[in-house]
Amino acid sequence: MANAAVHLESKDPVQIRMARTDAQGKYSFTALRGGVYVLRTEMAGYSDAEIPSLFFAPKEAKNFDLVLLPAKSPAAGQASEFFDQPRFAVAGVTDTTSLGGHGSDTMVRTRETLAKETVSLSESTPGAEPAAASEQEKWLRASLERAPYSFEANHLLGKLLDNNGKAREAIPYFERAGELKASDYENSYDLALANAHAGNYGRARDQGLALVAHNDSAELHHLLGDMQEKLGDSLEAVREYQRAADLDPREPYVFDWGSELLLHHAPEPALEVFTRGNHLYPHSARMLIGLGAAWFARGSYDQAVMRVSEASDLNPNDPAPYLFMGKMQSAESAPSEKIVEKLQRFVAQQPDNAEANYYYAVGLWKLRKVSPDAAGAPQIESLLNHAIRLDPNFAAAYVQLGIVHADEKDYPKAISEYQQAIQVDTKMEEAHYRLAQAYRQAGDAAKAAAELRVYDQIARELAQETERERHEIRQFVYVLRDQPPAQIP
């Protein structure tokens, strides 16, 4: 944005410098002394943007982007109409295992896997470059030796340590800064955040609750949502995530609200949140992935494929959408030409990605079963062998290669591949089952029976483990508008 006013204020001694952005929105300040600065920009018709604490070591160069939002934009702090009145309400929680699944066990497992992996797409705050962080840490520690009661030095050193994965080391500095200036909101919030990063979830929640009583901010409710989920109170967590999105429907808050709903088996509400999130942020690939995962949880495979395919088109080099498509494809018996087309692009762009080769091979194999024009076994074998060369511990690739050989009635080769898979992963139930079938086809009934016994034992253990995991994730009971409320067992 051209002609925006950018102010740079040093804190010690107080000095303000001002610049105007050029036609490309660029600005610069040169010959700065080392120290702490505030960077702020303003422009008529837009809300101000500010970075409150910037640290510069002597002769250090840094680049910062400031985002100006229209003064009346929902992302500037006003809740949009959708977030004021969603068409659902979470009424309670119940035991996931008591309700059973819908569809095959493989399909249910895949839905649960996609929900967990959608949650994992939440962005984390990147730390500084190691070399620059080390210099900053030295400078700040030297500053504290000269002035141990400096609020700024204590706060900034805590922030630097926390941003670079040293949350436990950061906490005492935030606490000392709090003793020096108890009313400082930013330091109090950063202390709660550091406790969260250090695994002190109860302490972080209590600090967040104390802050939110006087500062009803989206970032605090989002932090409280994270902490309530960590502490096992998923019902309070989803309400905190919703409140954060109500106050400030920026992309991370909307995405995490939808992810929480999806994780706790509430696909219809998650679908609504991700749909509106996609409307607000059409260029967010992970919002589309979440939308696809919600459709998949609803059992709408075609809609799921369409949304995740759109995500892959936004950034064709991002592996995440392709991996979601690959997992969806693995759970479905009917092949999807759209998925195979996208996975072909995945391999073309990342030929040395083992998963790209594997999932494309699986897609071609499924297409080959229904279409005589699909790729032949040699191409599929080549892709699988390449995946194994790239990752010798890729058990699923060995299994798929065994399936290809078994289909060609080359049972010795199939047996060898299944054995390789078991050597990599002794608990892989499909490998044991397939190996038993191959032994039976090869006429070795004793070995087939032995493998089936191993398979049965592993299947029972896996079922027990899956049940334990499902007990840990409580299912939301939700009420849709104009529909009778669900019954909590």
Protein backbone atom coordinates (compact mmCIF):
# COMPACT_ATOMS: atom_id res chain seq x y z
CA MET A 1 0.00 0.00 0.00
CA ALA A 2 1.44 3.31 -1.06
CA ASN A 3 1.87 6.39 1.15
CA ALA A 4 1.18 4.69 4.50
CA ALA A 5 2.88 6.38 7.47
CA VAL A 6 5.35 4.11 9.29
CA HIS A 7 6.68 5.16 12.71
CA LEU A 8 9.71 3.66 14.46
CA GLU A 9 10.16 4.59 18.10
CA SER A 10 13.21 3.65 20.15
CA LYS A 11 12.53 3.10 23.84
CA ASP A 12 15.86 4.23 25.30
CA PRO A 13 16.34 7.07 24.69
CA VAL A 14 12.92 8.03 23.31
CA GLN A 15 13.24 8.91 19.65
CA ILE A 16 10.66 8.66 16.86
CA ARG A 17 11.46 8.33 13.17
CA MET A 18 8.87 8.35 10.38
CA ALA A 19 8.82 7.05 6.78
CA ARG A 20 6.26 6.73 3.98
CA THR A 21 5.74 3.58 1.96
CA ASP A 22 6.54 3.72 -1.75
CA ALA A 23 4.33 2.56 -4.64
CA GLN A 24 5.09 -1.09 -3.80
CA GLY A 25 4.36 -0.63 -0.10
CA LYS A 26 8.05 -0.74 0.88
CA TYR A 27 9.68 1.31 3.62
CA SER A 28 13.08 1.39 5.32
CA PHE A 29 14.97 2.80 8.31
CA THR A 30 18.75 2.81 8.27
CA ALA A 31 21.68 3.39 10.65
CA LEU A 32 19.77 2.22 13.72
CA ARG A 33 21.39 1.75 17.10
CA GLY A 34 21.01 -1.58 18.88
CA GLY A 35 18.09 -1.68 21.28
CA VAL A 36 14.33 -2.09 21.62
CA TYR A 37 11.86 -0.43 19.23
CA VAL A 38 8.15 -0.11 18.54
CA LEU A 39 7.05 -0.26 14.88
CA ARG A 40 3.66 1.18 13.94
CA THR A 41 1.89 2.09 10.71
CA GLU A 42 -1.30 4.05 10.06
CA MET A 43 -3.43 5.07 7.11
CA ALA A 44 -6.83 6.71 6.82
CA GLY A 45 -9.66 4.18 6.54
CA TYR A 46 -7.63 1.36 8.10
CA SER A 47 -6.92 0.15 11.61
CA ASP A 48 -3.40 0.78 12.89
CA ALA A 49 -0.90 -2.08 12.86
CA GLU A 50 1.83 -2.34 15.47
CA ILE A 51 4.68 -4.59 16.51
CA PRO A 52 5.27 -3.52 20.14
CA SER A 53 8.70 -4.95 20.94
CA LEU A 54 11.43 -5.32 18.32
CA PHE A 55 14.97 -6.08 19.39
CA PHE A 56 17.95 -5.13 17.21
CA ALA A 57 21.52 -6.10 17.93
CA PRO A 58 24.15 -3.61 16.69
CA LYS A 59 24.45 -3.62 12.86
CA GLU A 60 21.62 -6.16 12.53
CA ALA A 61 19.21 -6.00 9.55
CA LYS A 62 15.61 -7.25 9.74
CA ASN A 63 12.53 -7.26 7.50
CA PHE A 64 8.98 -6.82 8.83
CA ASP A 65 5.63 -6.90 7.06
CA LEU A 66 2.77 -4.91 8.58
CA VAL A 67 -0.81 -5.73 7.63
CA LEU A 68 -3.39 -2.92 7.45
CA LEU A 69 -6.99 -4.07 7.69
CA PRO A 70 -10.05 -2.02 6.70
CA ALA A 71 -11.41 -0.33 9.81
CA LYS A 72 -14.79 -2.08 9.46
CA SER A 73 -13.45 -5.52 8.48
CA PRO A 74 -14.56 -8.45 10.67
CA ALA A 75 -10.89 -9.44 10.93
CA ALA A 76 -10.16 -6.09 12.58
CA GLY A 77 -12.11 -7.18 15.64
CA GLN A 78 -15.82 -7.21 14.82
CA ALA A 79 -17.65 -10.52 14.84
CA SER A 80 -19.35 -11.47 11.60
CA GLU A 81 -23.01 -12.40 11.58
CA PHE A 82 -22.25 -16.09 11.12
CA PHE A 83 -20.18 -16.32 14.26
CA ASP A 84 -22.82 -14.57 16.31
CA GLN A 85 -25.43 -17.18 15.43
CA PRO A 86 -24.09 -20.51 14.18
CA ARG A 87 -26.75 -23.02 13.22
CA PHE A 88 -25.67 -25.47 15.90
CA ALA A 89 -24.84 -25.64 19.59
CA VAL A 90 -22.62 -28.15 21.36
CA ALA A 91 -24.77 -29.45 24.19
CA GLY A 92 -22.48 -31.96 25.87
CA VAL A 93 -20.07 -34.85 25.45
CA THR A 94 -20.41 -38.60 25.50
CA ASP A 95 -18.20 -41.66 25.21
CA THR A 96 -17.15 -42.18 21.59
CA THR A 97 -17.06 -45.97 21.85
CA SER A 98 -20.65 -46.21 23.04
CA LEU A 99 -22.03 -44.94 19.76
CA GLY A 100 -20.20 -47.25 17.38
CA GLY A 101 -18.94 -46.35 13.94
CA HIS A 102 -20.56 -45.92 10.56
CA GLY A 103 -19.25 -47.97 7.66
CA SER A 104 -16.32 -50.36 7.60
CA ASP A 105 -13.69 -50.38 10.31
CA THR A 106 -11.13 -49.12 7.78
CA MET A 107 -13.37 -46.18 6.91
CA VAL A 108 -13.95 -45.29 10.56
CA ARG A 109 -10.23 -45.43 11.29
CA THR A 110 -9.49 -43.26 8.27
CA ARG A 111 -12.03 -40.63 9.37
CA GLU A 112 -10.43 -40.53 12.81
CA THR A 113 -6.95 -40.30 11.30
CA LEU A 114 -7.95 -37.43 9.00
CA ALA A 115 -9.53 -35.57 11.91
CA LYS A 116 -6.32 -35.85 13.97
CA GLU A 117 -4.17 -34.81 11.03
CA THR A 118 -6.43 -31.82 10.35
CA VAL A 119 -5.75 -30.67 13.92
CA SER A 120 -2.02 -31.10 13.29
CA LEU A 121 -2.21 -28.51 10.48
CA SER A 122 -2.51 -25.75 13.09
CA GLU A 123 0.39 -23.37 12.59
CA SER A 124 3.10 -22.96 15.19
CA THR A 125 4.99 -19.76 15.78
CA PRO A 126 8.44 -19.96 14.16
CA GLY A 127 11.49 -19.06 16.23
CA ALA A 128 14.30 -16.80 15.19
CA GLU A 129 17.27 -18.04 13.18
CA PRO A 130 19.67 -19.85 15.58
CA ALA A 131 22.65 -17.55 14.92
CA ALA A 132 20.60 -14.36 15.27
CA ALA A 133 18.82 -15.70 18.38
CA SER A 134 22.14 -16.54 19.99
CA GLU A 135 23.44 -13.01 19.45
CA GLN A 136 20.22 -11.49 20.76
CA GLU A 137 20.36 -13.71 23.85
CA LYS A 138 23.94 -12.66 24.60
CA TRP A 139 23.04 -8.99 24.19
CA LEU A 140 19.99 -9.24 26.45
CA ARG A 141 21.83 -11.18 29.14
CA ALA A 142 24.55 -8.52 29.09
CA SER A 143 21.84 -5.86 29.42
CA LEU A 144 20.39 -7.67 32.44
CA GLU A 145 23.78 -7.82 34.12
CA ARG A 146 23.95 -4.04 33.84
CA ALA A 147 20.31 -3.46 34.76
CA PRO A 148 18.79 -6.55 36.47
CA TYR A 149 15.59 -4.65 37.30
CA SER A 150 14.85 -3.64 33.72
CA PHE A 151 11.32 -4.67 32.83
CA GLU A 152 12.07 -4.54 29.08
CA ALA A 153 15.21 -6.68 29.29
CA ASN A 154 13.52 -9.35 31.43
CA HIS A 155 10.44 -9.44 29.23
CA LEU A 156 12.35 -9.56 25.94
CA LEU A 157 14.75 -12.25 27.13
CA GLY A 158 11.77 -14.35 28.27
CA LYS A 159 10.10 -13.86 24.91
CA LEU A 160 13.27 -14.76 23.01
CA LEU A 161 13.80 -17.93 25.04
CA ASP A 162 10.16 -19.01 24.69
CA ASN A 163 10.16 -18.41 20.92
CA ASN A 164 13.20 -20.64 20.61
CA GLY A 165 11.87 -23.63 22.50
CA LYS A 166 13.24 -22.75 25.95
CA ALA A 167 9.93 -22.12 27.71
CA ARG A 168 11.07 -23.35 31.14
CA GLU A 169 14.06 -21.00 31.03
CA ALA A 170 11.79 -18.14 29.93
CA ILE A 171 9.28 -18.37 32.79
CA PRO A 172 11.48 -16.82 35.55
CA TYR A 173 12.20 -13.79 33.36
CA PHE A 174 8.50 -13.23 32.67
CA GLU A 175 7.79 -13.63 36.39
CA ARG A 176 10.48 -11.10 37.27
CA ALA A 177 9.11 -8.67 34.67
CA GLY A 178 5.66 -9.18 36.20
CA GLU A 179 6.96 -8.23 39.62
CA LEU A 180 8.38 -5.04 38.10
CA LYS A 181 5.20 -4.16 36.17
CA ALA A 182 2.24 -6.26 37.27
CA SER A 183 -0.24 -4.37 35.08
CA ASP A 184 1.49 -5.17 31.78
CA TYR A 185 -0.92 -7.32 29.76
CA GLU A 186 1.59 -8.48 27.15
CA ASN A 187 4.01 -9.85 29.75
CA SER A 188 1.18 -11.59 31.64
CA TYR A 189 -0.07 -13.17 28.42
CA ASP A 190 3.45 -14.24 27.42
CA LEU A 191 3.90 -15.83 30.86
CA ALA A 192 0.72 -17.86 30.38
CA LEU A 193 1.91 -18.84 26.90
CA ALA A 194 5.31 -19.93 28.21
CA ASN A 195 3.65 -22.08 30.86
CA ALA A 196 1.54 -23.65 28.12
CA HIS A 197 4.65 -24.38 26.05
CA ALA A 198 6.38 -25.82 29.13
CA GLY A 199 3.48 -28.21 29.79
CA ASN A 200 2.19 -26.36 32.85
CA TYR A 201 -1.35 -26.48 31.49
CA GLY A 202 -3.23 -25.89 34.73
CA ARG A 203 -1.08 -22.88 35.57
CA ALA A 204 -1.46 -21.47 32.06
CA ARG A 205 -5.26 -21.92 32.23
CA ASP A 206 -5.48 -20.18 35.61
CA GLN A 207 -3.35 -17.27 34.39
CA GLY A 208 -5.48 -17.01 31.25
CA LEU A 209 -8.71 -16.98 33.28
CA ALA A 210 -7.33 -14.21 35.50
CA LEU A 211 -6.43 -12.15 32.43
CA VAL A 212 -9.68 -12.72 30.53
CA ALA A 213 -11.68 -11.26 33.40
CA HIS A 214 -10.27 -7.84 32.43
CA ASN A 215 -9.24 -8.42 28.79
CA ASP A 216 -11.91 -10.23 26.77
CA SER A 217 -9.58 -10.90 23.85
CA ALA A 218 -9.61 -13.56 21.14
CA GLU A 219 -6.01 -14.60 21.81
CA LEU A 220 -6.81 -15.33 25.45
CA HIS A 221 -9.89 -17.41 24.62
CA HIS A 222 -7.86 -19.31 22.03
CA LEU A 223 -5.14 -20.02 24.58
CA LEU A 224 -7.79 -21.15 27.07
CA GLY A 225 -9.23 -23.45 24.40
CA ASP A 226 -5.82 -25.04 23.94
CA MET A 227 -5.38 -25.49 27.68
CA GLN A 228 -8.86 -26.89 28.31
CA GLU A 229 -8.30 -29.45 25.56
CA LYS A 230 -4.93 -30.42 27.07
CA LEU A 231 -6.58 -30.77 30.48
CA GLY A 232 -9.35 -32.99 29.10
CA ASP A 233 -12.27 -30.55 29.25
CA SER A 234 -13.19 -30.65 25.55
CA LEU A 235 -16.59 -29.06 26.10
CA GLU A 236 -15.04 -25.93 27.58
CA ALA A 237 -12.33 -26.04 24.91
CA VAL A 238 -14.77 -25.84 22.01
CA ARG A 239 -16.64 -22.99 23.70
CA GLU A 240 -13.38 -21.06 24.12
CA TYR A 241 -12.45 -21.65 20.49
CA GLN A 242 -15.88 -20.44 19.41
CA ARG A 243 -15.55 -17.33 21.57
CA ALA A 244 -12.16 -16.57 20.03
CA ALA A 245 -13.66 -16.79 16.53
CA ASP A 246 -16.64 -14.66 17.63
CA LEU A 247 -14.33 -11.90 18.81
CA ASP A 248 -11.89 -12.11 15.91
CA PRO A 249 -12.72 -14.44 13.01
CA ARG A 250 -9.19 -14.55 11.67
CA GLU A 251 -8.13 -17.69 9.83
CA PRO A 252 -6.28 -19.52 12.66
CA TYR A 253 -9.15 -19.07 15.10
CA VAL A 254 -11.80 -20.25 12.65
CA PHE A 255 -9.65 -23.20 11.58
CA ASP A 256 -8.98 -24.35 15.14
CA TRP A 257 -12.67 -24.12 16.01
CA GLY A 258 -13.58 -26.32 13.06
CA SER A 259 -10.73 -28.73 13.83
CA GLU A 260 -11.89 -29.14 17.44
CA LEU A 261 -15.40 -30.00 16.26
CA LEU A 262 -14.06 -32.49 13.73
CA LEU A 263 -11.73 -34.13 16.25
CA HIS A 264 -14.66 -34.77 18.57
CA HIS A 265 -16.87 -36.38 15.93
CA ALA A 266 -19.15 -33.44 15.16
CA PRO A 267 -18.93 -33.38 11.34
CA GLU A 268 -22.05 -31.30 10.65
CA PRO A 269 -20.97 -28.35 12.85
CA ALA A 270 -17.40 -28.70 11.56
CA LEU A 271 -18.73 -28.60 8.01
CA GLU A 272 -20.54 -25.34 8.74
CA VAL A 273 -17.47 -23.72 10.31
CA PHE A 274 -15.09 -24.81 7.54
CA THR A 275 -17.59 -23.78 4.84
CA ARG A 276 -17.85 -20.27 6.27
CA GLY A 277 -14.11 -20.24 6.88
CA ASN A 278 -13.52 -21.10 3.23
CA HIS A 279 -15.84 -18.24 2.25
CA LEU A 280 -13.84 -15.81 4.41
CA TYR A 281 -10.44 -17.22 3.42
CA PRO A 282 -10.73 -18.75 -0.07
CA HIS A 283 -6.93 -18.94 -0.43
CA SER A 284 -6.38 -20.96 2.76
CA ALA A 285 -5.36 -24.47 1.71
CA ARG A 286 -5.78 -25.91 5.18
CA MET A 287 -9.33 -24.52 5.43
CA LEU A 288 -10.15 -26.48 2.27
CA ILE A 289 -8.45 -29.57 3.70
CA GLY A 290 -10.55 -29.24 6.86
CA LEU A 291 -13.65 -28.86 4.72
CA GLY A 292 -12.70 -31.98 2.79
CA ALA A 293 -12.09 -33.94 5.98
CA ALA A 294 -15.50 -32.85 7.30
CA TRP A 295 -17.21 -34.01 4.10
CA PHE A 296 -15.32 -37.32 4.34
CA ALA A 297 -16.52 -37.73 7.93
CA ARG A 298 -20.06 -37.17 6.65
CA GLY A 299 -19.53 -39.98 4.12
CA SER A 300 -19.51 -37.65 1.07
CA TYR A 301 -16.42 -38.94 -0.72
CA ASP A 302 -16.89 -36.94 -3.92
CA GLN A 303 -17.28 -33.65 -2.04
CA ALA A 304 -14.23 -34.48 0.07
CA VAL A 305 -12.13 -35.17 -3.02
CA MET A 306 -13.27 -31.95 -4.67
CA ARG A 307 -12.36 -29.75 -1.71
CA VAL A 308 -8.95 -31.31 -1.06
CA SER A 309 -8.20 -31.18 -4.79
CA GLU A 310 -8.90 -27.45 -4.68
CA ALA A 311 -6.45 -27.18 -1.77
CA SER A 312 -3.76 -28.88 -3.85
CA ASP A 313 -4.36 -26.39 -6.68
CA LEU A 314 -3.73 -23.41 -4.37
CA ASN A 315 -0.16 -24.52 -3.75
CA PRO A 316 0.79 -27.48 -5.94
CA ASN A 317 4.11 -27.91 -4.11
CA ASP A 318 2.50 -28.40 -0.69
CA PRO A 319 2.45 -32.15 0.13
CA ALA A 320 -0.34 -31.94 2.75
CA PRO A 321 -3.38 -32.02 0.39
CA TYR A 322 -1.93 -34.94 -1.58
CA LEU A 323 -1.32 -36.95 1.59
CA PHE A 324 -4.93 -36.40 2.65
CA MET A 325 -6.08 -37.53 -0.79
CA GLY A 326 -3.88 -40.61 -0.58
CA LYS A 327 -5.35 -41.63 2.77
CA MET A 328 -8.91 -41.02 1.53
CA GLN A 329 -8.20 -43.14 -1.55
CA SER A 330 -6.77 -45.98 0.57
CA ALA A 331 -10.04 -46.27 2.50
CA GLU A 332 -12.28 -46.32 -0.58
CA SER A 333 -12.76 -49.35 -2.81
CA ALA A 334 -13.92 -47.28 -5.79
CA PRO A 335 -11.03 -45.38 -7.45
CA SER A 336 -11.18 -41.64 -8.11
CA GLU A 337 -9.69 -40.45 -11.40
CA LYS A 338 -9.45 -36.92 -9.98
CA ILE A 339 -7.32 -38.11 -7.07
CA VAL A 340 -5.06 -40.15 -9.34
CA GLU A 341 -4.61 -37.12 -11.59
CA LYS A 342 -3.56 -34.98 -8.62
CA LEU A 343 -1.25 -37.70 -7.27
CA GLN A 344 0.41 -37.89 -10.67
CA ARG A 345 1.19 -34.18 -10.33
CA PHE A 346 2.51 -34.86 -6.82
CA VAL A 347 5.01 -37.39 -8.18
CA ALA A 348 5.99 -35.14 -11.09
CA GLN A 349 6.77 -32.28 -8.72
CA GLN A 350 8.35 -34.38 -5.96
CA PRO A 351 9.79 -37.49 -7.64
CA ASP A 352 11.96 -38.28 -4.62
CA ASN A 353 9.06 -38.25 -2.15
CA ALA A 354 8.40 -41.85 -1.08
CA GLU A 355 4.76 -41.20 -0.16
CA ALA A 356 4.13 -39.50 -3.51
CA ASN A 357 5.32 -42.59 -5.37
CA TYR A 358 3.39 -44.93 -3.08
CA TYR A 359 0.04 -43.15 -3.19
CA TYR A 360 0.22 -42.67 -6.96
CA ALA A 361 0.97 -46.40 -7.35
CA VAL A 362 -2.03 -47.30 -5.16
CA GLY A 363 -4.25 -45.00 -7.22
CA LEU A 364 -3.10 -46.55 -10.50
CA TRP A 365 -3.60 -50.01 -9.06
CA LYS A 366 -7.19 -49.26 -8.12
CA LEU A 367 -7.90 -47.70 -11.51
CA ARG A 368 -6.38 -50.74 -13.23
CA LYS A 369 -8.99 -52.92 -11.58
CA VAL A 370 -11.84 -51.10 -13.32
CA SER A 371 -10.26 -49.59 -16.42
CA PRO A 372 -8.34 -51.53 -19.09
CA ASP A 373 -6.68 -48.26 -20.18
CA ALA A 374 -5.04 -47.67 -16.81
CA ALA A 375 -1.34 -48.16 -16.17
CA GLY A 376 0.13 -51.64 -16.28
CA ALA A 377 1.74 -53.58 -13.45
CA PRO A 378 5.33 -52.71 -14.50
CA GLN A 379 4.73 -48.97 -13.98
CA ILE A 380 3.07 -49.63 -10.62
CA GLU A 381 5.91 -51.91 -9.54
CA SER A 382 8.44 -49.28 -10.60
CA LEU A 383 6.76 -46.62 -8.47
CA LEU A 384 6.57 -48.91 -5.44
CA ASN A 385 10.19 -50.03 -5.79
CA HIS A 386 11.24 -46.39 -6.03
CA ALA A 387 9.27 -45.59 -2.87
CA ILE A 388 11.08 -48.42 -1.07
CA ARG A 389 14.48 -47.23 -2.32
CA LEU A 390 13.67 -43.78 -0.97
CA ASP A 391 12.40 -45.19 2.35
CA PRO A 392 13.49 -48.80 3.07
CA ASN A 393 11.21 -48.81 6.14
CA PHE A 394 8.04 -48.10 4.16
CA ALA A 395 6.04 -51.15 5.22
CA ALA A 396 2.87 -50.22 3.30
CA ALA A 397 4.85 -50.06 0.04
CA TYR A 398 6.11 -53.63 0.56
CA VAL A 399 2.55 -54.78 1.19
CA GLN A 400 1.22 -53.12 -1.97
CA LEU A 401 4.07 -54.62 -3.99
CA GLY A 402 3.13 -58.01 -2.57
CA ILE A 403 -0.48 -57.45 -3.63
CA VAL A 404 0.67 -56.72 -7.20
CA HIS A 405 2.73 -59.95 -7.29
CA ALA A 406 -0.11 -61.97 -5.75
CA ASP A 407 -2.48 -60.68 -8.41
CA GLU A 408 -0.04 -61.98 -11.02
CA LYS A 409 -0.03 -65.30 -9.10
CA ASP A 410 3.66 -64.91 -8.35
CA TYR A 411 3.27 -66.07 -4.77
CA PRO A 412 6.97 -66.54 -3.90
CA LYS A 413 7.59 -62.84 -4.70
CA ALA A 414 4.43 -61.82 -2.87
CA ILE A 415 5.50 -63.82 0.19
CA SER A 416 8.93 -62.16 0.12
CA GLU A 417 7.41 -58.66 0.02
CA TYR A 418 4.97 -59.40 2.85
CA GLN A 419 7.84 -60.77 4.94
CA GLN A 420 9.80 -57.57 4.28
CA ALA A 421 6.84 -55.53 5.49
CA ILE A 422 6.61 -57.60 8.69
CA GLN A 423 10.33 -57.23 9.26
CA VAL A 424 9.86 -53.44 9.16
CA ASP A 425 6.62 -53.44 11.19
CA THR A 426 5.90 -56.63 13.12
CA LYS A 427 2.47 -55.31 14.20
CA MET A 428 1.16 -54.58 10.68
CA GLU A 429 -2.00 -56.67 10.64
CA GLU A 430 -2.64 -56.44 6.88
CA ALA A 431 0.83 -57.81 6.12
CA HIS A 432 0.21 -60.90 8.28
CA TYR A 433 -3.23 -61.44 6.75
CA ARG A 434 -1.93 -61.10 3.20
CA LEU A 435 1.00 -63.38 3.98
CA ALA A 436 -1.39 -66.03 5.29
CA GLN A 437 -3.39 -65.84 2.05
CA ALA A 438 -0.23 -66.10 -0.05
CA TYR A 439 0.93 -69.16 1.91
CA ARG A 440 -2.46 -70.75 1.38
CA GLN A 441 -2.31 -70.08 -2.38
CA ALA A 442 1.21 -71.51 -2.46
CA GLY A 443 -0.07 -74.69 -0.80
CA ASP A 444 1.57 -74.24 2.61
CA ALA A 445 -1.41 -74.64 4.93
CA ALA A 446 0.61 -74.86 8.15
CA LYS A 447 2.35 -71.53 7.60
CA ALA A 448 -0.95 -69.98 6.51
CA ALA A 449 -2.61 -71.09 9.76
CA ALA A 450 0.31 -69.77 11.82
CA GLU A 451 0.14 -66.36 10.17
CA LEU A 452 -3.62 -66.21 10.68
CA ARG A 453 -3.10 -66.83 14.40
CA VAL A 454 -0.61 -63.97 14.52
CA TYR A 455 -3.03 -61.80 12.56
CA ASP A 456 -5.90 -62.58 14.96
CA GLN A 457 -3.74 -61.67 17.97
CA ILE A 458 -2.58 -58.38 16.42
CA ALA A 459 -6.13 -57.52 15.33
CA ARG A 460 -7.39 -57.99 18.91
CA GLU A 461 -4.57 -55.85 20.31
CA LEU A 462 -5.21 -53.14 17.71
CA ALA A 463 -8.93 -53.15 18.49
CA GLN A 464 -8.18 -52.71 22.20
CA GLU A 465 -5.71 -49.89 21.49
CA THR A 466 -8.19 -48.17 19.17
CA GLU A 467 -10.89 -48.42 21.85
CA ARG A 468 -8.54 -46.86 24.42
CA GLU A 469 -7.77 -43.99 22.04
CA ARG A 470 -11.45 -43.41 21.37
CA HIS A 471 -12.15 -43.27 25.10
CA GLU A 472 -9.63 -40.43 25.31
CA ILE A 473 -11.47 -38.37 22.69
CA ARG A 474 -14.94 -37.52 23.97
CA GLN A 475 -17.65 -37.10 21.36
CA PHE A 476 -19.59 -33.86 21.17
CA VAL A 477 -23.35 -34.07 21.37
CA TYR A 478 -24.69 -31.17 19.36
CA VAL A 479 -28.05 -29.67 18.53
CA LEU A 480 -28.87 -28.48 15.03
CA ARG A 481 -31.36 -25.67 14.59
CA ASP A 482 -34.95 -26.78 13.99
CA GLN A 483 -34.07 -30.39 14.88
CA PRO A 484 -34.76 -32.25 18.14
CA PRO A 485 -31.77 -32.38 20.52
CA ALA A 486 -29.57 -35.45 20.56
CA GLN A 487 -29.88 -37.73 23.59
CA ILE A 488 -26.85 -38.16 25.86
CA PRO A 489 -26.56 -41.78 26.98
